[in-house]
């Protein structure tokens, strides 16, 4: 009887460990997904802000798709129930979507964006999310966060 109880406890512990590992994998995938879609959106915004594009309508459609990907990524993280990370993910989504909409609204009829895109809030929000999720999407110790690089947070065309 004692052998069966020990075996049952080991099996239960193994199943609990498998569930924890699966949850950690899912969490990492969600964190990486949001990080990747946010980086893609930022890169796309960089290019839109550089010059006049003859295919600007297509670029704006892609911008909308990328902003939606960021929102979906934040929603996936919210489903995991990590309060602090969920708040950071939602903030990334809100800031990214607002910046994308602002840029789209400011494109002129000739397909040009004439203003400078200010990435400061976007970068700060994204950096805060990354500080919580760590490299590879793993949870990170907030005390071990290194400061953002000086190049981040500049507007397109800003050479300071």
N, C-alpha and C. Protein backbone atom coordinates (compact mmCIF):
# COMPACT_ATOMS: atom_id res chain seq x y z
N UNK A 1 0.82 -1.19 0.00
CA UNK A 1 0.00 0.00 0.00
C UNK A 1 0.87 1.26 0.00
N UNK A 2 1.93 1.25 0.79
CA UNK A 2 2.81 2.41 0.85
C UNK A 2 3.48 2.65 -0.49
N UNK A 3 3.77 1.59 -1.22
CA UNK A 3 4.41 1.72 -2.53
C UNK A 3 3.47 2.40 -3.52
N UNK A 4 2.19 2.03 -3.47
CA UNK A 4 1.22 2.66 -4.36
C UNK A 4 1.07 4.15 -4.06
N UNK A 5 1.04 4.50 -2.79
CA UNK A 5 0.92 5.91 -2.41
C UNK A 5 2.12 6.71 -2.89
N UNK A 6 3.30 6.16 -2.73
CA UNK A 6 4.51 6.85 -3.19
C UNK A 6 4.49 6.99 -4.70
N UNK A 7 4.07 5.94 -5.39
CA UNK A 7 3.99 5.98 -6.86
C UNK A 7 2.97 7.03 -7.30
N UNK A 8 1.83 7.08 -6.64
CA UNK A 8 0.79 8.06 -6.97
C UNK A 8 1.31 9.47 -6.75
N UNK A 9 2.00 9.71 -5.66
CA UNK A 9 2.56 11.05 -5.39
C UNK A 9 3.57 11.44 -6.46
N UNK A 10 4.42 10.49 -6.87
CA UNK A 10 5.40 10.77 -7.93
C UNK A 10 4.71 11.11 -9.25
N UNK A 11 3.66 10.35 -9.56
CA UNK A 11 2.92 10.61 -10.80
C UNK A 11 2.24 11.98 -10.76
N UNK A 12 1.64 12.30 -9.63
CA UNK A 12 1.00 13.61 -9.48
C UNK A 12 2.03 14.73 -9.59
N UNK A 13 3.18 14.53 -8.96
CA UNK A 13 4.24 15.55 -9.03
C UNK A 13 4.75 15.70 -10.46
N UNK A 14 4.88 14.58 -11.18
CA UNK A 14 5.35 14.64 -12.57
C UNK A 14 4.34 15.37 -13.45
N UNK A 15 3.05 15.10 -13.25
CA UNK A 15 2.01 15.80 -14.03
C UNK A 15 2.00 17.29 -13.72
N UNK A 16 2.15 17.63 -12.45
CA UNK A 16 2.18 19.05 -12.07
C UNK A 16 3.39 19.74 -12.70
N UNK A 17 4.52 19.05 -12.72
CA UNK A 17 5.72 19.63 -13.35
C UNK A 17 5.52 19.81 -14.85
N UNK A 18 4.90 18.84 -15.50
CA UNK A 18 4.61 18.94 -16.94
C UNK A 18 3.69 20.12 -17.23
N UNK A 19 2.66 20.29 -16.38
CA UNK A 19 1.75 21.43 -16.57
C UNK A 19 2.48 22.76 -16.39
N UNK A 20 3.35 22.82 -15.38
CA UNK A 20 4.12 24.05 -15.15
C UNK A 20 5.05 24.35 -16.32
N UNK A 21 5.68 23.31 -16.86
CA UNK A 21 6.57 23.50 -18.02
C UNK A 21 5.79 23.94 -19.24
N UNK A 22 4.61 23.36 -19.46
CA UNK A 22 3.77 23.75 -20.60
C UNK A 22 3.32 25.20 -20.45
N UNK A 23 2.95 25.59 -19.24
CA UNK A 23 2.53 26.97 -19.00
C UNK A 23 3.70 27.94 -19.23
N UNK A 24 4.89 27.55 -18.80
CA UNK A 24 6.07 28.40 -19.02
C UNK A 24 6.38 28.53 -20.51
N UNK A 25 6.24 27.43 -21.25
CA UNK A 25 6.45 27.49 -22.71
C UNK A 25 5.43 28.42 -23.37
N UNK A 26 4.16 28.27 -22.98
CA UNK A 26 3.12 29.13 -23.56
C UNK A 26 3.37 30.60 -23.22
N UNK A 27 3.75 30.86 -21.99
CA UNK A 27 4.05 32.23 -21.56
C UNK A 27 5.20 32.80 -22.39
N UNK A 28 6.25 32.01 -22.55
CA UNK A 28 7.40 32.45 -23.35
C UNK A 28 7.01 32.72 -24.79
N UNK A 29 6.19 31.85 -25.37
CA UNK A 29 5.74 32.04 -26.75
C UNK A 29 4.91 33.31 -26.89
N UNK A 30 4.03 33.56 -25.94
CA UNK A 30 3.21 34.78 -25.98
C UNK A 30 4.08 36.03 -25.84
N UNK A 31 5.02 35.99 -24.92
CA UNK A 31 5.92 37.14 -24.72
C UNK A 31 6.74 37.39 -25.98
N UNK A 32 7.30 36.32 -26.55
CA UNK A 32 8.08 36.46 -27.79
C UNK A 32 7.21 36.97 -28.94
N UNK A 33 5.99 36.47 -29.03
CA UNK A 33 5.09 36.91 -30.10
C UNK A 33 4.82 38.40 -30.03
N UNK A 34 4.55 38.91 -28.83
CA UNK A 34 4.31 40.35 -28.70
C UNK A 34 5.59 41.13 -28.98
N UNK A 35 6.71 40.64 -28.50
CA UNK A 35 7.98 41.33 -28.75
C UNK A 35 8.28 41.41 -30.25
N UNK A 36 8.08 40.30 -30.95
CA UNK A 36 8.36 40.27 -32.39
C UNK A 36 7.41 41.18 -33.16
N UNK A 37 6.12 41.13 -32.85
CA UNK A 37 5.18 41.97 -33.60
C UNK A 37 5.41 43.44 -33.30
N UNK A 38 5.80 43.77 -32.07
CA UNK A 38 6.09 45.16 -31.73
C UNK A 38 7.33 45.65 -32.47
N UNK A 39 8.35 44.81 -32.53
CA UNK A 39 9.58 45.19 -33.26
C UNK A 39 9.29 45.36 -34.75
N UNK A 40 8.47 44.49 -35.33
CA UNK A 40 8.09 44.63 -36.74
C UNK A 40 7.34 45.93 -36.98
N UNK A 41 6.41 46.26 -36.08
CA UNK A 41 5.65 47.50 -36.22
C UNK A 41 6.58 48.70 -36.17
N UNK A 42 7.50 48.70 -35.23
CA UNK A 42 8.42 49.84 -35.10
C UNK A 42 9.26 49.99 -36.36
N UNK A 43 9.76 48.89 -36.88
CA UNK A 43 10.57 48.93 -38.10
C UNK A 43 9.75 49.47 -39.26
N UNK A 44 8.52 49.01 -39.38
CA UNK A 44 7.65 49.49 -40.46
C UNK A 44 7.40 51.00 -40.32
N UNK A 45 7.17 51.45 -39.11
CA UNK A 45 6.99 52.89 -38.87
C UNK A 45 8.25 53.66 -39.27
N UNK A 46 9.41 53.12 -38.95
CA UNK A 46 10.68 53.76 -39.33
C UNK A 46 10.73 54.01 -40.84
N UNK A 47 10.38 52.99 -41.61
CA UNK A 47 10.44 53.13 -43.07
C UNK A 47 9.39 54.10 -43.59
N UNK A 48 8.20 54.05 -43.04
CA UNK A 48 7.16 54.99 -43.48
C UNK A 48 7.61 56.42 -43.24
N UNK A 49 8.29 56.65 -42.13
CA UNK A 49 8.71 58.00 -41.78
C UNK A 49 9.92 58.51 -42.53
N UNK A 50 10.53 57.71 -43.35
CA UNK A 50 11.78 58.10 -44.02
C UNK A 50 11.59 58.88 -45.31
N UNK A 51 10.57 58.54 -46.09
CA UNK A 51 10.44 59.21 -47.40
C UNK A 51 9.05 59.00 -47.96
N UNK A 52 8.83 59.54 -49.13
CA UNK A 52 7.57 59.34 -49.84
C UNK A 52 7.63 57.96 -50.50
N UNK A 53 6.54 57.24 -50.39
CA UNK A 53 6.48 55.90 -50.97
C UNK A 53 5.34 55.86 -51.98
N UNK A 54 5.60 55.39 -53.21
CA UNK A 54 4.53 55.31 -54.20
C UNK A 54 3.45 54.29 -53.81
N UNK A 55 3.81 53.32 -52.99
CA UNK A 55 2.85 52.31 -52.55
C UNK A 55 2.39 52.56 -51.11
N UNK A 56 2.22 53.83 -50.76
CA UNK A 56 1.91 54.17 -49.37
C UNK A 56 0.61 53.54 -48.89
N UNK A 57 -0.39 53.40 -49.76
CA UNK A 57 -1.64 52.78 -49.32
C UNK A 57 -1.40 51.34 -48.85
N UNK A 58 -0.56 50.62 -49.56
CA UNK A 58 -0.22 49.25 -49.16
C UNK A 58 0.56 49.25 -47.85
N UNK A 59 1.44 50.22 -47.71
CA UNK A 59 2.22 50.31 -46.47
C UNK A 59 1.33 50.64 -45.28
N UNK A 60 0.33 51.49 -45.51
CA UNK A 60 -0.59 51.82 -44.42
C UNK A 60 -1.47 50.62 -44.06
N UNK A 61 -1.85 49.84 -45.06
CA UNK A 61 -2.62 48.62 -44.78
C UNK A 61 -1.77 47.66 -43.95
N UNK A 62 -0.51 47.53 -44.29
CA UNK A 62 0.40 46.67 -43.52
C UNK A 62 0.59 47.22 -42.11
N UNK A 63 0.66 48.53 -41.99
CA UNK A 63 0.78 49.17 -40.68
C UNK A 63 -0.41 48.79 -39.80
N UNK A 64 -1.60 48.83 -40.37
CA UNK A 64 -2.80 48.45 -39.63
C UNK A 64 -2.73 46.98 -39.20
N UNK A 65 -2.28 46.11 -40.10
CA UNK A 65 -2.14 44.69 -39.77
C UNK A 65 -1.15 44.48 -38.62
N UNK A 66 -0.04 45.19 -38.68
CA UNK A 66 0.98 45.03 -37.63
C UNK A 66 0.47 45.55 -36.29
N UNK A 67 -0.26 46.66 -36.30
CA UNK A 67 -0.84 47.18 -35.05
C UNK A 67 -1.84 46.17 -34.48
N UNK A 68 -2.61 45.54 -35.36
CA UNK A 68 -3.55 44.51 -34.91
C UNK A 68 -2.81 43.31 -34.32
N UNK A 69 -1.68 42.93 -34.91
CA UNK A 69 -0.88 41.82 -34.37
C UNK A 69 -0.40 42.14 -32.95
N UNK A 70 -0.01 43.38 -32.73
CA UNK A 70 0.43 43.79 -31.39
C UNK A 70 -0.74 43.67 -30.41
N UNK A 71 -1.92 44.12 -30.82
CA UNK A 71 -3.09 44.04 -29.95
C UNK A 71 -3.45 42.58 -29.64
N UNK A 72 -3.38 41.72 -30.64
CA UNK A 72 -3.67 40.30 -30.43
C UNK A 72 -2.64 39.69 -29.49
N UNK A 73 -1.38 40.06 -29.66
CA UNK A 73 -0.33 39.56 -28.76
C UNK A 73 -0.58 39.97 -27.32
N UNK A 74 -1.01 41.21 -27.13
CA UNK A 74 -1.31 41.68 -25.77
C UNK A 74 -2.50 40.91 -25.20
N UNK A 75 -3.48 40.63 -26.04
CA UNK A 75 -4.63 39.84 -25.60
C UNK A 75 -4.25 38.43 -25.19
N UNK A 76 -3.32 37.84 -25.92
CA UNK A 76 -2.85 36.49 -25.57
C UNK A 76 -2.17 36.49 -24.21
N UNK A 77 -1.43 37.53 -23.94
CA UNK A 77 -0.75 37.64 -22.64
C UNK A 77 -1.77 37.86 -21.53
N UNK A 78 -2.80 38.66 -21.81
CA UNK A 78 -3.84 38.91 -20.80
C UNK A 78 -4.52 37.60 -20.40
N UNK A 79 -4.67 36.70 -21.35
CA UNK A 79 -5.30 35.41 -21.09
C UNK A 79 -4.50 34.58 -20.08
N UNK A 80 -3.20 34.84 -19.99
CA UNK A 80 -2.34 34.09 -19.06
C UNK A 80 -2.53 34.52 -17.62
N UNK A 81 -3.06 35.73 -17.41
CA UNK A 81 -3.36 36.19 -16.07
C UNK A 81 -2.20 36.73 -15.27
N UNK A 82 -1.13 37.15 -15.93
CA UNK A 82 0.01 37.74 -15.22
C UNK A 82 -0.26 39.24 -15.09
N UNK A 83 -0.66 39.69 -13.93
CA UNK A 83 -1.13 41.06 -13.77
C UNK A 83 -0.14 42.12 -14.25
N UNK A 84 1.07 42.10 -13.74
CA UNK A 84 2.05 43.14 -14.08
C UNK A 84 2.43 43.07 -15.56
N UNK A 85 2.66 41.87 -16.05
CA UNK A 85 3.02 41.70 -17.46
C UNK A 85 1.83 42.05 -18.35
N UNK A 86 0.63 41.69 -17.93
CA UNK A 86 -0.57 42.04 -18.70
C UNK A 86 -0.72 43.54 -18.82
N UNK A 87 -0.52 44.25 -17.73
CA UNK A 87 -0.60 45.73 -17.78
C UNK A 87 0.44 46.29 -18.75
N UNK A 88 1.65 45.77 -18.68
CA UNK A 88 2.71 46.25 -19.57
C UNK A 88 2.38 45.92 -21.03
N UNK A 89 1.85 44.73 -21.28
CA UNK A 89 1.49 44.33 -22.65
C UNK A 89 0.37 45.20 -23.19
N UNK A 90 -0.62 45.47 -22.37
CA UNK A 90 -1.72 46.34 -22.82
C UNK A 90 -1.23 47.76 -23.09
N UNK A 91 -0.30 48.22 -22.29
CA UNK A 91 0.27 49.55 -22.51
C UNK A 91 1.05 49.58 -23.82
N UNK A 92 1.82 48.54 -24.10
CA UNK A 92 2.53 48.44 -25.38
C UNK A 92 1.53 48.50 -26.52
N UNK A 93 0.46 47.74 -26.40
CA UNK A 93 -0.56 47.71 -27.45
C UNK A 93 -1.20 49.09 -27.64
N UNK A 94 -1.56 49.73 -26.55
CA UNK A 94 -2.21 51.05 -26.64
C UNK A 94 -1.29 52.09 -27.27
N UNK A 95 -0.04 52.13 -26.82
CA UNK A 95 0.91 53.12 -27.34
C UNK A 95 1.24 52.82 -28.80
N UNK A 96 1.45 51.55 -29.13
CA UNK A 96 1.78 51.17 -30.51
C UNK A 96 0.63 51.48 -31.45
N UNK A 97 -0.59 51.15 -31.05
CA UNK A 97 -1.75 51.41 -31.89
C UNK A 97 -1.97 52.91 -32.07
N UNK A 98 -1.81 53.67 -31.00
CA UNK A 98 -1.99 55.12 -31.09
C UNK A 98 -0.95 55.74 -32.02
N UNK A 99 0.30 55.31 -31.92
CA UNK A 99 1.34 55.85 -32.79
C UNK A 99 1.09 55.47 -34.24
N UNK A 100 0.70 54.22 -34.48
CA UNK A 100 0.40 53.78 -35.85
C UNK A 100 -0.76 54.58 -36.43
N UNK A 101 -1.80 54.80 -35.64
CA UNK A 101 -2.95 55.58 -36.12
C UNK A 101 -2.57 57.03 -36.37
N UNK A 102 -1.73 57.58 -35.49
CA UNK A 102 -1.26 58.96 -35.66
C UNK A 102 -0.47 59.11 -36.95
N UNK A 103 0.41 58.18 -37.21
CA UNK A 103 1.21 58.23 -38.44
C UNK A 103 0.31 58.06 -39.66
N UNK A 104 -0.60 57.11 -39.61
CA UNK A 104 -1.50 56.87 -40.75
C UNK A 104 -2.34 58.11 -41.05
N UNK A 105 -2.81 58.79 -40.01
CA UNK A 105 -3.64 59.97 -40.20
C UNK A 105 -2.84 61.15 -40.76
N UNK A 106 -1.54 61.15 -40.54
CA UNK A 106 -0.71 62.28 -40.97
C UNK A 106 -0.08 62.10 -42.35
N UNK A 107 -0.35 60.98 -43.00
CA UNK A 107 0.20 60.77 -44.35
C UNK A 107 -0.57 61.65 -45.32
N UNK A 108 0.18 62.41 -46.11
CA UNK A 108 -0.44 63.33 -47.05
C UNK A 108 -0.98 62.64 -48.29
N UNK A 109 -1.70 63.39 -49.12
CA UNK A 109 -2.32 62.81 -50.32
C UNK A 109 -1.30 62.30 -51.33
N UNK A 110 -0.09 62.80 -51.28
CA UNK A 110 0.95 62.35 -52.21
C UNK A 110 1.71 61.13 -51.67
N UNK A 111 1.25 60.59 -50.54
CA UNK A 111 1.88 59.40 -49.98
C UNK A 111 3.11 59.69 -49.16
N UNK A 112 3.20 60.88 -48.59
CA UNK A 112 4.38 61.22 -47.79
C UNK A 112 3.98 61.49 -46.34
N UNK A 113 4.91 61.19 -45.48
CA UNK A 113 4.76 61.51 -44.07
C UNK A 113 5.82 62.56 -43.78
N UNK A 114 5.39 63.76 -43.45
CA UNK A 114 6.34 64.88 -43.34
C UNK A 114 6.84 65.15 -41.93
N UNK A 115 6.14 64.70 -40.94
CA UNK A 115 6.57 64.94 -39.56
C UNK A 115 7.64 63.93 -39.15
N UNK A 116 8.24 64.19 -38.01
CA UNK A 116 9.15 63.21 -37.43
C UNK A 116 8.33 62.30 -36.52
N UNK A 117 8.62 61.04 -36.58
CA UNK A 117 7.92 60.10 -35.71
C UNK A 117 8.65 60.06 -34.37
N UNK A 118 7.93 60.37 -33.33
CA UNK A 118 8.52 60.37 -31.99
C UNK A 118 8.31 58.99 -31.36
N UNK A 119 9.38 58.24 -31.28
CA UNK A 119 9.32 56.88 -30.74
C UNK A 119 9.59 56.83 -29.24
N UNK A 120 9.76 57.96 -28.60
CA UNK A 120 10.20 57.96 -27.21
C UNK A 120 9.26 57.16 -26.30
N UNK A 121 7.96 57.46 -26.34
CA UNK A 121 7.01 56.76 -25.47
C UNK A 121 6.89 55.29 -25.91
N UNK A 122 6.87 55.06 -27.21
CA UNK A 122 6.80 53.70 -27.75
C UNK A 122 7.96 52.87 -27.21
N UNK A 123 9.17 53.38 -27.35
CA UNK A 123 10.36 52.66 -26.90
C UNK A 123 10.37 52.45 -25.39
N UNK A 124 9.99 53.46 -24.65
CA UNK A 124 9.99 53.34 -23.19
C UNK A 124 8.99 52.27 -22.74
N UNK A 125 7.83 52.26 -23.37
CA UNK A 125 6.81 51.28 -23.02
C UNK A 125 7.25 49.86 -23.39
N UNK A 126 7.83 49.74 -24.58
CA UNK A 126 8.31 48.43 -25.04
C UNK A 126 9.46 47.95 -24.15
N UNK A 127 10.37 48.86 -23.80
CA UNK A 127 11.48 48.49 -22.91
C UNK A 127 10.97 48.03 -21.55
N UNK A 128 9.92 48.67 -21.04
CA UNK A 128 9.35 48.26 -19.75
C UNK A 128 8.78 46.85 -19.84
N UNK A 129 8.12 46.55 -20.95
CA UNK A 129 7.61 45.19 -21.15
C UNK A 129 8.76 44.18 -21.20
N UNK A 130 9.78 44.51 -21.99
CA UNK A 130 10.93 43.60 -22.12
C UNK A 130 11.64 43.40 -20.78
N UNK A 131 11.67 44.44 -19.96
CA UNK A 131 12.31 44.32 -18.64
C UNK A 131 11.56 43.32 -17.76
N UNK A 132 10.25 43.23 -17.94
CA UNK A 132 9.47 42.29 -17.15
C UNK A 132 9.57 40.85 -17.67
N UNK A 133 9.74 40.70 -18.97
CA UNK A 133 9.71 39.36 -19.56
C UNK A 133 11.08 38.76 -19.75
N UNK A 134 12.11 39.56 -19.81
CA UNK A 134 13.47 39.03 -19.91
C UNK A 134 13.81 38.46 -21.26
N UNK A 135 15.04 38.00 -21.42
CA UNK A 135 15.47 37.45 -22.70
C UNK A 135 14.72 36.16 -23.02
N UNK A 136 14.29 36.04 -24.25
CA UNK A 136 13.59 34.83 -24.67
C UNK A 136 12.19 34.70 -24.12
N UNK A 137 11.66 35.77 -23.52
CA UNK A 137 10.31 35.73 -22.99
C UNK A 137 10.20 35.14 -21.60
N UNK A 138 11.33 34.82 -20.99
CA UNK A 138 11.31 34.25 -19.64
C UNK A 138 11.10 35.36 -18.62
N UNK A 139 10.42 35.09 -17.52
CA UNK A 139 10.26 36.12 -16.49
C UNK A 139 11.63 36.58 -16.01
N UNK A 140 11.73 37.84 -15.72
CA UNK A 140 13.02 38.42 -15.35
C UNK A 140 12.93 39.05 -13.98
N UNK A 141 14.03 39.00 -13.28
CA UNK A 141 14.15 39.66 -11.99
C UNK A 141 14.27 41.16 -12.26
N UNK A 142 13.31 41.99 -11.80
CA UNK A 142 13.36 43.43 -12.10
C UNK A 142 14.64 44.11 -11.62
N UNK A 143 15.30 43.57 -10.61
CA UNK A 143 16.53 44.18 -10.11
C UNK A 143 17.69 43.98 -11.06
N UNK A 144 17.55 43.03 -12.00
CA UNK A 144 18.65 42.71 -12.91
C UNK A 144 18.52 43.40 -14.26
N UNK A 145 17.63 44.36 -14.37
CA UNK A 145 17.39 45.02 -15.66
C UNK A 145 18.48 46.04 -15.94
N UNK A 146 19.05 45.94 -17.14
CA UNK A 146 20.05 46.91 -17.54
C UNK A 146 19.34 48.10 -18.20
N UNK A 147 19.91 49.30 -18.15
CA UNK A 147 19.25 50.46 -18.74
C UNK A 147 19.16 50.33 -20.26
N UNK A 148 18.17 51.04 -20.83
CA UNK A 148 18.00 51.04 -22.29
C UNK A 148 19.19 51.71 -22.95
N UNK A 149 19.47 51.30 -24.17
CA UNK A 149 20.59 51.89 -24.89
C UNK A 149 20.28 53.34 -25.23
N UNK A 150 21.30 54.20 -25.35
CA UNK A 150 21.06 55.61 -25.62
C UNK A 150 20.43 55.85 -26.98
N UNK A 151 20.56 54.93 -27.93
CA UNK A 151 19.99 55.14 -29.26
C UNK A 151 18.48 54.99 -29.26
N UNK A 152 17.92 54.29 -28.28
CA UNK A 152 16.47 54.08 -28.24
C UNK A 152 15.79 55.38 -27.84
N UNK A 153 14.59 55.57 -28.29
CA UNK A 153 13.80 56.72 -27.87
C UNK A 153 13.99 57.95 -28.71
N UNK A 154 14.75 57.86 -29.76
CA UNK A 154 14.94 59.02 -30.62
C UNK A 154 13.89 59.05 -31.72
N UNK A 155 13.61 60.22 -32.18
CA UNK A 155 12.69 60.37 -33.30
C UNK A 155 13.43 60.05 -34.60
N UNK A 156 12.67 59.61 -35.61
CA UNK A 156 13.27 59.37 -36.92
C UNK A 156 13.90 60.67 -37.39
N UNK A 157 15.11 60.61 -37.86
CA UNK A 157 15.81 61.80 -38.33
C UNK A 157 16.53 62.56 -37.24
N UNK A 158 16.41 62.11 -35.99
CA UNK A 158 17.06 62.77 -34.86
C UNK A 158 18.47 62.23 -34.73
N UNK A 159 19.47 63.07 -34.85
CA UNK A 159 20.86 62.60 -34.84
C UNK A 159 21.58 62.87 -33.54
N UNK A 160 20.90 63.32 -32.51
CA UNK A 160 21.60 63.62 -31.27
C UNK A 160 22.20 62.45 -30.62
